Amino acid sequence: MFIHHFNNGTHGLDSGTGMASPHVAGSCIINENKYSRKDILTFQGEELQKLIKHLLMSTAEFPNYNNETKAITSPRQQGAGVIDVSKSS
């Protein structure tokens, strides 16, 4: 869930991939800036992209219990979870 500014001037909670995309993109940039420095790692290009993806996915908090259905939700239904950029950088 993210606080979203709606077109009518109000604010509210919203969710979905459109809300997560800016958060993920910013998290990738933060990690790329840190890990592309030669004094930390020597990864570049696709190798660096894979590292960042795995780092971010490893920080995901998986809210896997669905209160409505009373069942565990699969990552195939909701994704890997909510990433924590502070744990990856």
C-alpha atoms as a PDB file:
ATOM      1  CA  MET A   1       0.000   0.000   0.000  1.00  0.00           C
ATOM      2  CA  PHE A   2       1.135   3.482  -0.846  1.00  0.00           C
ATOM      3  CA  ILE A   3      -0.206   6.943  -0.119  1.00  0.00           C
ATOM      4  CA  HIS A   4      -1.407   8.146  -3.492  1.00  0.00           C
ATOM      5  CA  HIS A   5      -2.328  11.626  -4.724  1.00  0.00           C
ATOM      6  CA  PHE A   6      -5.486  11.323  -6.814  1.00  0.00           C
ATOM      7  CA  ASN A   7      -6.410  13.618  -9.724  1.00  0.00           C
ATOM      8  CA  ASN A   8      -9.242  15.205  -7.746  1.00  0.00           C
ATOM      9  CA  GLY A   9      -6.774  16.636  -5.204  1.00  0.00           C
ATOM     10  CA  THR A  10      -7.371  14.046  -2.494  1.00  0.00           C
ATOM     11  CA  HIS A  11      -4.986  11.509  -0.984  1.00  0.00           C
ATOM     12  CA  GLY A  12      -5.597   7.888  -0.115  1.00  0.00           C
ATOM     13  CA  LEU A  13      -4.130   4.413   0.040  1.00  0.00           C
ATOM     14  CA  ASP A  14      -3.633   2.520  -3.194  1.00  0.00           C
ATOM     15  CA  SER A  15      -1.862  -0.668  -4.205  1.00  0.00           C
ATOM     16  CA  GLY A  16      -0.795  -2.629  -7.250  1.00  0.00           C
ATOM     17  CA  THR A  17       2.103  -2.756  -9.670  1.00  0.00           C
ATOM     18  CA  GLY A  18       1.575   0.862 -10.728  1.00  0.00           C
ATOM     19  CA  MET A  19       2.187   1.922  -7.137  1.00  0.00           C
ATOM     20  CA  ALA A  20       5.147  -0.422  -6.601  1.00  0.00           C
ATOM     21  CA  SER A  21       7.024   0.394  -9.814  1.00  0.00           C
ATOM     22  CA  PRO A  22       8.439   3.788  -8.706  1.00  0.00           C
ATOM     23  CA  HIS A  23       9.501   2.269  -5.357  1.00  0.00           C
ATOM     24  CA  VAL A  24      11.289  -0.634  -7.067  1.00  0.00           C
ATOM     25  CA  ALA A  25      12.931   1.616  -9.674  1.00  0.00           C
ATOM     26  CA  GLY A  26      14.256   3.955  -6.979  1.00  0.00           C
ATOM     27  CA  SER A  27      15.511   1.005  -4.948  1.00  0.00           C
ATOM     28  CA  CYS A  28      17.374  -0.318  -7.992  1.00  0.00           C
ATOM     29  CA  ILE A  29      19.053   3.059  -8.579  1.00  0.00           C
ATOM     30  CA  ILE A  30      20.156   3.334  -4.950  1.00  0.00           C
ATOM     31  CA  ASN A  31      21.729  -0.126  -5.112  1.00  0.00           C
ATOM     32  CA  GLU A  32      23.251   0.458  -8.548  1.00  0.00           C
ATOM     33  CA  ASN A  33      24.931   3.636  -7.306  1.00  0.00           C
ATOM     34  CA  LYS A  34      26.397   1.778  -4.346  1.00  0.00           C
ATOM     35  CA  TYR A  35      27.443  -1.479  -5.986  1.00  0.00           C
ATOM     36  CA  SER A  36      28.784  -0.075  -9.262  1.00  0.00           C
ATOM     37  CA  ARG A  37      31.653   1.590  -7.380  1.00  0.00           C
ATOM     38  CA  LYS A  38      34.880  -0.248  -8.194  1.00  0.00           C
ATOM     39  CA  ASP A  39      36.109  -0.194  -4.581  1.00  0.00           C
ATOM     40  CA  ILE A  40      33.092  -2.248  -3.421  1.00  0.00           C
ATOM     41  CA  LEU A  41      32.453  -4.780  -6.222  1.00  0.00           C
ATOM     42  CA  THR A  42      33.615  -5.365  -9.762  1.00  0.00           C
ATOM     43  CA  PHE A  43      30.220  -6.402 -11.159  1.00  0.00           C
ATOM     44  CA  GLN A  44      29.040  -4.608 -14.298  1.00  0.00           C
ATOM     45  CA  GLY A  45      26.163  -4.746 -16.783  1.00  0.00           C
ATOM     46  CA  GLU A  46      23.895  -7.785 -16.629  1.00  0.00           C
ATOM     47  CA  GLU A  47      25.865  -9.293 -13.740  1.00  0.00           C
ATOM     48  CA  LEU A  48      25.233  -6.161 -11.638  1.00  0.00           C
ATOM     49  CA  GLN A  49      21.533  -6.137 -12.605  1.00  0.00           C
ATOM     50  CA  LYS A  50      21.132  -9.763 -11.460  1.00  0.00           C
ATOM     51  CA  LEU A  51      22.908  -9.023  -8.183  1.00  0.00           C
ATOM     52  CA  ILE A  52      20.622  -6.068  -7.451  1.00  0.00           C
ATOM     53  CA  LYS A  53      17.506  -8.072  -8.345  1.00  0.00           C
ATOM     54  CA  HIS A  54      18.525 -10.905  -6.009  1.00  0.00           C
ATOM     55  CA  LEU A  55      19.473  -8.512  -3.213  1.00  0.00           C
ATOM     56  CA  LEU A  56      16.115  -6.741  -3.387  1.00  0.00           C
ATOM     57  CA  MET A  57      14.098  -9.954  -3.650  1.00  0.00           C
ATOM     58  CA  SER A  58      15.952 -11.396  -0.644  1.00  0.00           C
ATOM     59  CA  THR A  59      14.698  -8.483   1.502  1.00  0.00           C
ATOM     60  CA  ALA A  60      11.039  -9.011   0.582  1.00  0.00           C
ATOM     61  CA  GLU A  61       8.601  -9.305   3.456  1.00  0.00           C
ATOM     62  CA  PHE A  62       6.099 -11.871   2.329  1.00  0.00           C
ATOM     63  CA  PRO A  63       2.643 -11.051   3.730  1.00  0.00           C
ATOM     64  CA  ASN A  64       1.333 -14.465   2.824  1.00  0.00           C
ATOM     65  CA  TYR A  65      -1.804 -14.911   4.917  1.00  0.00           C
ATOM     66  CA  ASN A  66      -5.031 -13.766   3.266  1.00  0.00           C
ATOM     67  CA  ASN A  67      -7.538 -12.780   5.949  1.00  0.00           C
ATOM     68  CA  GLU A  68     -10.450 -12.933   3.505  1.00  0.00           C
ATOM     69  CA  THR A  69      -9.872 -16.485   2.288  1.00  0.00           C
ATOM     70  CA  LYS A  70      -8.154 -17.684   5.469  1.00  0.00           C
ATOM     71  CA  ALA A  71      -5.452 -19.231   3.290  1.00  0.00           C
ATOM     72  CA  ILE A  72      -1.785 -18.712   2.520  1.00  0.00           C
ATOM     73  CA  THR A  73      -1.313 -16.648  -0.636  1.00  0.00           C
ATOM     74  CA  SER A  74       1.141 -17.909  -3.238  1.00  0.00           C
ATOM     75  CA  PRO A  75       3.947 -15.657  -4.559  1.00  0.00           C
ATOM     76  CA  ARG A  76       2.486 -16.384  -8.005  1.00  0.00           C
ATOM     77  CA  GLN A  77      -0.638 -14.499  -6.937  1.00  0.00           C
ATOM     78  CA  GLN A  78       1.004 -11.549  -5.204  1.00  0.00           C
ATOM     79  CA  GLY A  79       4.710 -11.440  -6.155  1.00  0.00           C
ATOM     80  CA  ALA A  80       7.748 -11.883  -3.943  1.00  0.00           C
ATOM     81  CA  GLY A  81       6.584  -9.368  -1.343  1.00  0.00           C
ATOM     82  CA  VAL A  82       7.433  -5.850  -0.204  1.00  0.00           C
ATOM     83  CA  ILE A  83      11.128  -5.013  -0.621  1.00  0.00           C
ATOM     84  CA  ASP A  84      13.181  -3.215   2.021  1.00  0.00           C
ATOM     85  CA  VAL A  85      15.863  -1.132   0.305  1.00  0.00           C
ATOM     86  CA  SER A  86      17.604  -0.381   3.615  1.00  0.00           C
ATOM     87  CA  LYS A  87      18.399  -4.095   3.981  1.00  0.00           C
ATOM     88  CA  SER A  88      19.833  -4.393   0.473  1.00  0.00           C
ATOM     89  CA  SER A  89      22.202  -1.437   0.367  1.00  0.00           C
END
